[in-house]
Amino acid sequence: MALTSVAPQTDILQLRIELAAAFRWTARLGLNEGIANHFSVTTNEDGSQFLLNPVGSHFSRIRACDLLHLDTRDTTTYTGTNAPDPTAWNLHAELHKRLPQARCILHTHMPHTTALCCLQDFEFLMLEQNACRFYKRIAYDRHYSGMALQASEGERVAQLMGPDKSVLFMANHGVIVVAPTVAQALDELCYLEKASALQVLALSTGRPLALISDDIAALACAQWNDYPTRFADLHLDAVKAILDLQETDYRQ
């Protein structure tokens, strides 16, 4: 039986700090919802172990040490004293296991993106440069089926996303963003909400929309992906620098 590679403790601590920073920052931006919604990041190669926010924790107060370190192979994980939220467990455990691109998973009900998720048969518009970042990278769940209280819901969501999508618009619900790192996931989440806010604003005018062609949207998406500056890493570094001045306890 092959051994599962586990990240060194120093690496896990760094992941804790990065994810705690993501929680704090999204709270500042108003992208969280009470004590609901969940972020996670894997700590080993096969995704069977991951960090997740505990039940009842507000994003604005989460510290690195607060994050649960869960193991899908441990049958007591879901019944122990610090058992995770069932909807988080059913979604995140299955997505980490089934999607290689889902090293970090951010699930929110952020307002503008969720508003678009509530429009019948809506598809994300190639309306401006930020939107082009997500060209052909969004999957759609068209049928709201209640809360994810069974593991089968995680399996269903994983099938919808497949190996080539990094965003899922969940009908009448919210959004899931997945990425190889916390930095990339946070950057994607922030840009997605900014682009969604602009789309809601443009749609509200009732005027004809000047959409970008598929060819140019594909070009801009490739330019985003190949851009020489490491935007996502620099973005997270900037976020941590602000938090280090104003909310240093996130690192604890």
Protein backbone atom coordinates (compact mmCIF):
# COMPACT_ATOMS: atom_id res chain seq x y z
CA MET A 1 0.00 0.00 0.00
CA ALA A 2 1.47 3.36 -1.07
CA LEU A 3 2.17 5.92 1.60
CA THR A 4 0.41 9.25 1.36
CA SER A 5 2.76 12.21 1.19
CA VAL A 6 2.05 14.71 3.96
CA ALA A 7 3.27 18.30 3.91
CA PRO A 8 5.91 19.20 6.54
CA GLN A 9 4.61 21.02 9.60
CA THR A 10 6.21 24.27 8.43
CA ASP A 11 4.29 24.03 5.14
CA ILE A 12 1.04 23.28 6.96
CA LEU A 13 1.57 26.30 9.19
CA GLN A 14 2.06 28.44 6.10
CA LEU A 15 -1.16 27.06 4.61
CA ARG A 16 -2.97 27.85 7.86
CA ILE A 17 -1.74 31.46 7.73
CA GLU A 18 -2.66 31.86 4.07
CA LEU A 19 -6.15 30.45 4.53
CA ALA A 20 -6.72 32.54 7.67
CA ALA A 21 -5.73 35.62 5.66
CA ALA A 22 -8.23 34.64 2.95
CA PHE A 23 -11.01 34.41 5.55
CA ARG A 24 -10.16 37.80 7.05
CA TRP A 25 -9.93 39.52 3.68
CA THR A 26 -13.18 38.17 2.27
CA ALA A 27 -14.92 39.30 5.46
CA ARG A 28 -13.55 42.80 4.90
CA LEU A 29 -14.95 42.75 1.38
CA GLY A 30 -18.37 41.61 2.61
CA LEU A 31 -18.23 38.33 0.68
CA ASN A 32 -19.06 36.13 3.67
CA GLU A 33 -22.48 35.30 5.08
CA GLY A 34 -22.83 35.13 8.85
CA ILE A 35 -20.99 32.03 10.06
CA ALA A 36 -21.83 30.11 6.88
CA ASN A 37 -19.68 29.35 3.82
CA HIS A 38 -16.44 27.39 3.83
CA PHE A 39 -12.83 27.55 2.63
CA SER A 40 -10.42 24.62 2.56
CA VAL A 41 -6.93 23.71 1.36
CA THR A 42 -5.31 20.29 1.09
CA THR A 43 -2.20 19.36 3.07
CA ASN A 44 -1.22 16.18 1.24
CA GLU A 45 -0.90 15.03 -2.34
CA ASP A 46 -4.08 12.97 -2.74
CA GLY A 47 -6.35 15.54 -1.08
CA SER A 48 -7.47 13.22 1.71
CA GLN A 49 -6.29 15.70 4.35
CA PHE A 50 -7.30 19.34 4.37
CA LEU A 51 -7.78 22.44 6.50
CA LEU A 52 -11.33 23.76 6.95
CA ASN A 53 -13.01 26.44 9.04
CA PRO A 54 -14.72 25.16 12.19
CA VAL A 55 -18.46 25.35 12.80
CA GLY A 56 -19.69 28.69 14.12
CA SER A 57 -16.62 30.79 13.31
CA HIS A 58 -17.06 34.21 11.74
CA PHE A 59 -14.64 34.82 8.88
CA SER A 60 -13.49 38.09 10.45
CA ARG A 61 -12.18 36.31 13.56
CA ILE A 62 -10.61 33.14 12.18
CA ARG A 63 -6.99 32.50 13.16
CA ALA A 64 -4.53 30.02 11.70
CA CYS A 65 -4.78 27.83 14.80
CA ASP A 66 -8.59 27.67 14.60
CA LEU A 67 -8.66 25.71 11.34
CA LEU A 68 -9.64 22.06 11.53
CA HIS A 69 -7.17 19.57 10.06
CA LEU A 70 -9.37 16.80 8.70
CA ASP A 71 -8.65 13.35 7.29
CA THR A 72 -11.22 11.69 5.04
CA ARG A 73 -9.73 8.27 5.83
CA ASP A 74 -10.41 8.66 9.56
CA THR A 75 -13.90 7.33 10.26
CA THR A 76 -14.14 9.36 13.48
CA THR A 77 -13.62 12.71 11.74
CA TYR A 78 -17.30 13.37 11.20
CA THR A 79 -18.41 12.26 14.66
CA GLY A 80 -15.72 13.76 16.90
CA THR A 81 -15.85 16.79 19.17
CA ASN A 82 -14.63 19.11 16.41
CA ALA A 83 -16.69 17.59 13.64
CA PRO A 84 -16.96 19.79 10.53
CA ASP A 85 -20.16 21.27 9.18
CA PRO A 86 -21.92 18.49 7.23
CA THR A 87 -22.44 20.53 4.05
CA ALA A 88 -18.79 21.58 4.07
CA TRP A 89 -17.65 18.01 4.60
CA ASN A 90 -19.79 16.60 1.82
CA LEU A 91 -18.68 19.19 -0.71
CA HIS A 92 -15.04 19.80 0.13
CA ALA A 93 -14.05 16.20 0.88
CA GLU A 94 -15.47 14.99 -2.42
CA LEU A 95 -14.08 17.86 -4.51
CA HIS A 96 -10.59 17.52 -3.05
CA LYS A 97 -10.69 13.81 -3.76
CA ARG A 98 -12.11 13.98 -7.27
CA LEU A 99 -10.71 17.18 -8.84
CA PRO A 100 -6.94 17.50 -9.24
CA GLN A 101 -7.25 21.28 -9.74
CA ALA A 102 -9.07 21.66 -6.40
CA ARG A 103 -6.19 22.02 -3.96
CA CYS A 104 -7.91 25.07 -2.50
CA ILE A 105 -11.71 25.45 -2.48
CA LEU A 106 -13.55 28.68 -1.68
CA HIS A 107 -17.34 28.53 -1.40
CA THR A 108 -19.29 31.73 -0.82
CA HIS A 109 -22.69 33.30 -1.33
CA MET A 110 -21.07 36.59 -2.35
CA PRO A 111 -23.81 38.97 -3.48
CA HIS A 112 -23.22 39.92 -7.09
CA THR A 113 -22.06 36.51 -8.30
CA THR A 114 -24.93 34.85 -6.46
CA ALA A 115 -27.35 37.31 -8.06
CA LEU A 116 -26.17 36.10 -11.47
CA CYS A 117 -26.63 32.50 -10.28
CA CYS A 118 -30.30 33.31 -9.74
CA LEU A 119 -30.96 34.41 -13.32
CA GLN A 120 -32.60 31.73 -15.44
CA ASP A 121 -30.20 30.10 -17.92
CA PHE A 122 -27.67 32.89 -17.34
CA GLU A 123 -24.14 32.49 -18.64
CA PHE A 124 -21.30 34.72 -17.53
CA LEU A 125 -20.89 37.55 -20.01
CA MET A 126 -17.64 38.45 -21.72
CA LEU A 127 -18.31 42.07 -20.92
CA GLU A 128 -14.93 43.47 -19.88
CA GLN A 129 -11.32 42.49 -19.27
CA ASN A 130 -11.81 40.88 -15.86
CA ALA A 131 -14.64 38.72 -17.17
CA CYS A 132 -12.37 37.37 -19.91
CA ARG A 133 -10.22 35.80 -17.21
CA PHE A 134 -13.00 33.22 -16.79
CA TYR A 135 -13.61 32.45 -20.46
CA LYS A 136 -14.66 28.79 -20.83
CA ARG A 137 -13.67 28.13 -17.21
CA ILE A 138 -17.12 28.29 -15.58
CA ALA A 139 -19.42 25.31 -15.04
CA TYR A 140 -23.12 25.69 -14.24
CA ASP A 141 -25.36 23.81 -11.85
CA ARG A 142 -28.81 24.64 -13.20
CA HIS A 143 -30.86 22.75 -10.62
CA TYR A 144 -30.88 23.77 -6.98
CA SER A 145 -31.48 20.61 -4.96
CA GLY A 146 -31.27 21.81 -1.36
CA MET A 147 -28.37 21.71 1.06
CA ALA A 148 -25.46 19.30 0.56
CA LEU A 149 -26.34 16.92 3.38
CA GLN A 150 -25.28 13.77 1.49
CA ALA A 151 -21.90 12.83 0.03
CA SER A 152 -23.66 12.24 -3.28
CA GLU A 153 -24.07 16.00 -3.62
CA GLY A 154 -20.30 16.43 -3.56
CA GLU A 155 -19.95 13.73 -6.20
CA ARG A 156 -22.55 15.46 -8.38
CA VAL A 157 -20.81 18.83 -8.08
CA ALA A 158 -17.44 17.28 -8.93
CA GLN A 159 -18.93 15.75 -12.08
CA LEU A 160 -20.33 19.11 -13.13
CA MET A 161 -16.94 20.80 -12.81
CA GLY A 162 -14.83 18.04 -14.33
CA PRO A 163 -11.07 18.45 -14.82
CA ASP A 164 -11.13 21.72 -16.76
CA LYS A 165 -13.36 24.13 -14.81
CA SER A 166 -12.29 26.29 -11.89
CA VAL A 167 -15.61 27.99 -11.10
CA LEU A 168 -19.09 26.62 -10.49
CA PHE A 169 -22.17 28.84 -10.59
CA MET A 170 -24.67 27.11 -8.29
CA ALA A 171 -28.27 27.92 -9.19
CA ASN A 172 -30.14 29.80 -6.44
CA HIS A 173 -27.22 29.21 -4.11
CA GLY A 174 -23.73 30.67 -4.63
CA VAL A 175 -20.36 29.97 -6.18
CA ILE A 176 -17.41 27.60 -5.79
CA VAL A 177 -13.90 28.61 -6.88
CA VAL A 178 -11.09 26.05 -6.96
CA ALA A 179 -7.38 26.56 -7.60
CA PRO A 180 -3.96 24.97 -7.00
CA THR A 181 -3.07 27.47 -4.23
CA VAL A 182 -4.76 29.71 -1.68
CA ALA A 183 -3.31 32.77 -3.42
CA GLN A 184 -4.77 31.80 -6.79
CA ALA A 185 -8.15 30.91 -5.33
CA LEU A 186 -8.45 34.19 -3.41
CA ASP A 187 -7.38 36.22 -6.42
CA GLU A 188 -9.92 34.43 -8.61
CA LEU A 189 -12.71 34.91 -6.06
CA CYS A 190 -12.07 38.65 -5.77
CA TYR A 191 -11.87 39.20 -9.52
CA LEU A 192 -14.98 37.10 -10.09
CA GLU A 193 -17.05 39.19 -7.69
CA LYS A 194 -15.74 42.43 -9.21
CA ALA A 195 -16.64 41.22 -12.70
CA SER A 196 -20.05 40.03 -11.50
CA ALA A 197 -20.75 43.39 -9.84
CA LEU A 198 -20.02 45.15 -13.11
CA GLN A 199 -22.32 42.77 -14.99
CA VAL A 200 -25.18 43.38 -12.55
CA LEU A 201 -24.62 47.13 -12.94
CA ALA A 202 -24.49 46.98 -16.75
CA LEU A 203 -27.58 44.76 -16.94
CA SER A 204 -29.46 47.17 -14.67
CA THR A 205 -29.18 49.96 -17.26
CA GLY A 206 -31.36 48.09 -19.72
CA ARG A 207 -29.11 49.28 -22.53
CA PRO A 208 -27.61 46.95 -25.17
CA LEU A 209 -24.37 45.33 -24.00
CA ALA A 210 -21.12 45.63 -25.96
CA LEU A 211 -19.91 42.05 -25.58
CA ILE A 212 -16.38 40.92 -26.38
CA SER A 213 -16.07 38.36 -29.18
CA ASP A 214 -15.08 34.77 -28.43
CA ASP A 215 -11.74 35.20 -30.22
CA ILE A 216 -10.75 38.24 -28.18
CA ALA A 217 -12.09 36.75 -24.94
CA ALA A 218 -9.98 33.65 -25.52
CA LEU A 219 -6.94 35.82 -26.23
CA ALA A 220 -7.45 37.90 -23.07
CA CYS A 221 -7.95 34.73 -21.00
CA ALA A 222 -4.65 33.34 -22.29
CA GLN A 223 -2.97 36.67 -21.53
CA TRP A 224 -4.29 36.54 -17.98
CA ASN A 225 -2.91 33.02 -17.57
CA ASP A 226 0.49 33.84 -19.10
CA TYR A 227 0.96 37.30 -17.61
CA PRO A 228 4.60 37.73 -16.47
CA THR A 229 3.71 39.24 -13.08
CA ARG A 230 2.65 36.74 -10.40
CA PHE A 231 -0.52 38.65 -9.61
CA ALA A 232 -2.09 36.10 -7.28
CA ASP A 233 0.97 35.68 -5.05
CA LEU A 234 1.54 39.43 -4.91
CA HIS A 235 -2.14 39.98 -4.11
CA LEU A 236 -1.99 37.59 -1.14
CA ASP A 237 1.30 39.13 0.01
CA ALA A 238 -0.35 42.56 -0.03
CA VAL A 239 -3.34 41.26 1.91
CA LYS A 240 -1.08 39.71 4.56
CA ALA A 241 0.93 42.93 4.80
CA ILE A 242 -2.26 44.88 5.58
CA LEU A 243 -3.39 42.28 8.09
CA ASP A 244 0.06 42.24 9.70
CA LEU A 245 -0.45 45.92 10.50
CA GLN A 246 -4.09 45.80 11.52
CA GLU A 247 -5.11 42.25 12.53
CA THR A 248 -1.95 40.42 13.53
CA ASP A 249 -3.83 37.72 15.44
CA TYR A 250 -4.82 36.00 12.17
CA ARG A 251 -1.36 34.37 12.18
CA GLN A 252 -1.76 32.81 15.63
